[in-house]
Amino acid sequence: MMDTIIAWGSCLLLAMVIAILPPFRQVVPGINNDAFRKIYPKQWSFLFRIPAGEVKKEGIALPLFVEQIVWYVVAVCTAVAAVLLLINFPEILWLAPVVCVGVLILEIVEMAISTAVLKHKQKNNAFFD
């Protein structure tokens, strides 16, 4: 019983980390929110973060907006997949947390690559000017 609780808890915790990580990535120095075309979300602006300032007033760069939306969707899909794995395969409790950790590692790698690409494109002024 305790193994099941640990598996459920770890999967849901990892899904929350997957959802929370992209907005907090915006504290990485070197990404200029003004270098890209901006989106101004109105009602859902609390879901998004920019390197400095408020999303409602200053907007969020299109690449950062798309990345945050994609990872929110992936986090929800990961949580649903983990719950389905835990319900359908209760004898293999390790499977769902391993899938969640795999998605988290994929997210970290993607964010490192996208940060490098955004910084490079920002220097060359080749992105949505």
Protein backbone atom coordinates (compact mmCIF):
# COMPACT_ATOMS: atom_id res chain seq x y z
CA MET A 1 0.00 0.00 0.00
CA MET A 2 2.81 2.41 0.87
CA ASP A 3 4.50 1.69 -2.46
CA THR A 4 1.33 2.69 -4.27
CA ILE A 5 1.06 5.96 -2.34
CA ILE A 6 4.70 6.77 -3.06
CA ALA A 7 4.24 6.01 -6.77
CA TRP A 8 1.11 8.19 -7.04
CA GLY A 9 2.66 11.02 -5.06
CA SER A 10 5.90 11.02 -6.99
CA CYS A 11 4.10 11.03 -10.33
CA LEU A 12 1.87 13.94 -9.41
CA LEU A 13 4.79 15.84 -7.88
CA LEU A 14 6.87 15.32 -11.03
CA ALA A 15 3.96 16.49 -13.21
CA MET A 16 3.75 19.68 -11.13
CA VAL A 17 7.51 20.24 -11.50
CA ILE A 18 7.16 19.78 -15.26
CA ALA A 19 4.47 22.47 -15.32
CA ILE A 20 6.27 24.89 -12.99
CA LEU A 21 9.77 24.69 -14.47
CA PRO A 22 9.30 26.69 -17.74
CA PRO A 23 7.97 29.90 -16.13
CA PHE A 24 10.82 29.90 -13.64
CA ARG A 25 13.36 29.36 -16.40
CA GLN A 26 12.74 33.00 -17.33
CA VAL A 27 15.15 34.10 -14.60
CA VAL A 28 18.02 32.89 -16.81
CA PRO A 29 20.05 35.99 -17.66
CA GLY A 30 20.59 36.88 -21.27
CA ILE A 31 17.11 36.36 -22.70
CA ASN A 32 15.73 39.71 -23.80
CA ASN A 33 11.94 39.70 -23.86
CA ASP A 34 11.96 42.78 -26.11
CA ALA A 35 13.97 41.11 -28.87
CA PHE A 36 10.99 39.08 -30.11
CA ARG A 37 7.42 39.63 -31.19
CA LYS A 38 5.17 39.74 -28.15
CA ILE A 39 1.90 38.15 -27.06
CA TYR A 40 -0.34 39.89 -24.51
CA PRO A 41 -2.39 37.27 -22.66
CA LYS A 42 -5.19 38.92 -20.71
CA GLN A 43 -7.09 36.55 -18.43
CA TRP A 44 -4.45 33.82 -18.23
CA SER A 45 -1.43 36.09 -17.73
CA PHE A 46 -0.81 34.65 -14.24
CA LEU A 47 0.39 31.42 -15.91
CA PHE A 48 3.27 33.13 -17.69
CA ARG A 49 6.51 34.75 -16.55
CA ILE A 50 8.96 37.03 -18.33
CA PRO A 51 12.55 37.87 -17.34
CA ALA A 52 11.56 41.25 -15.84
CA GLY A 53 8.20 42.96 -15.47
CA GLU A 54 4.57 41.99 -15.79
CA VAL A 55 3.14 39.94 -18.63
CA LYS A 56 -0.10 41.95 -18.82
CA LYS A 57 1.72 45.24 -19.36
CA GLU A 58 4.87 44.26 -21.26
CA GLY A 59 3.77 41.07 -23.00
CA ILE A 60 5.70 37.83 -23.38
CA ALA A 61 8.01 36.93 -26.24
CA LEU A 62 6.39 34.53 -28.70
CA PRO A 63 9.00 31.74 -28.31
CA LEU A 64 8.72 31.86 -24.51
CA PHE A 65 4.91 31.88 -24.71
CA VAL A 66 4.82 28.84 -27.01
CA GLU A 67 7.31 26.95 -24.87
CA GLN A 68 5.35 27.56 -21.68
CA ILE A 69 2.05 26.51 -23.31
CA VAL A 70 3.61 23.33 -24.70
CA TRP A 71 5.04 22.29 -21.33
CA TYR A 72 1.73 22.98 -19.56
CA VAL A 73 0.05 20.60 -22.02
CA VAL A 74 2.84 18.03 -21.60
CA ALA A 75 2.50 18.24 -17.81
CA VAL A 76 -1.22 17.53 -17.97
CA CYS A 77 -0.68 14.66 -20.43
CA THR A 78 2.08 13.24 -18.21
CA ALA A 79 -0.18 13.33 -15.15
CA VAL A 80 -3.00 11.61 -17.06
CA ALA A 81 -0.62 9.00 -18.49
CA ALA A 82 0.84 8.32 -15.04
CA VAL A 83 -2.61 7.85 -13.52
CA LEU A 84 -3.60 5.52 -16.36
CA LEU A 85 -0.39 3.52 -15.96
CA LEU A 86 -0.89 3.23 -12.21
CA ILE A 87 -4.52 2.12 -12.62
CA ASN A 88 -3.98 -0.30 -15.52
CA PHE A 89 -0.67 -1.78 -14.38
CA PRO A 90 -0.67 -1.76 -10.56
CA GLU A 91 1.85 -4.61 -10.46
CA ILE A 92 4.47 -2.43 -12.20
CA LEU A 93 4.52 0.57 -9.87
CA TRP A 94 7.95 1.77 -11.00
CA LEU A 95 6.81 2.33 -14.61
CA ALA A 96 4.83 5.55 -14.11
CA PRO A 97 7.49 7.40 -12.05
CA VAL A 98 10.16 6.39 -14.57
CA VAL A 99 8.04 7.81 -17.40
CA CYS A 100 7.57 11.05 -15.44
CA VAL A 101 11.29 11.35 -14.74
CA GLY A 102 12.00 10.73 -18.42
CA VAL A 103 9.67 13.57 -19.41
CA LEU A 104 11.32 15.84 -16.82
CA ILE A 105 14.79 15.05 -18.21
CA LEU A 106 13.49 15.71 -21.73
CA GLU A 107 12.15 19.08 -20.55
CA ILE A 108 15.45 20.09 -18.96
CA VAL A 109 17.37 19.19 -22.12
CA GLU A 110 14.86 21.04 -24.31
CA MET A 111 15.02 24.14 -22.14
CA ALA A 112 18.83 24.17 -22.27
CA ILE A 113 18.79 23.85 -26.05
CA SER A 114 16.04 26.46 -26.52
CA THR A 115 17.86 28.90 -24.24
CA ALA A 116 20.99 28.57 -26.35
CA VAL A 117 19.02 28.97 -29.59
CA LEU A 118 17.10 32.00 -28.27
CA LYS A 119 20.30 33.70 -27.17
CA HIS A 120 21.92 33.00 -30.55
CA LYS A 121 18.92 34.24 -32.54
CA GLN A 122 18.65 37.26 -30.26
CA LYS A 123 22.26 38.22 -31.03
CA ASN A 124 21.68 37.89 -34.77
CA ASN A 125 18.32 39.73 -34.66
CA ALA A 126 16.91 37.02 -36.91
CA PHE A 127 13.82 36.14 -34.91
CA PHE A 128 10.51 37.94 -35.49
CA ASP A 129 11.83 41.47 -35.87
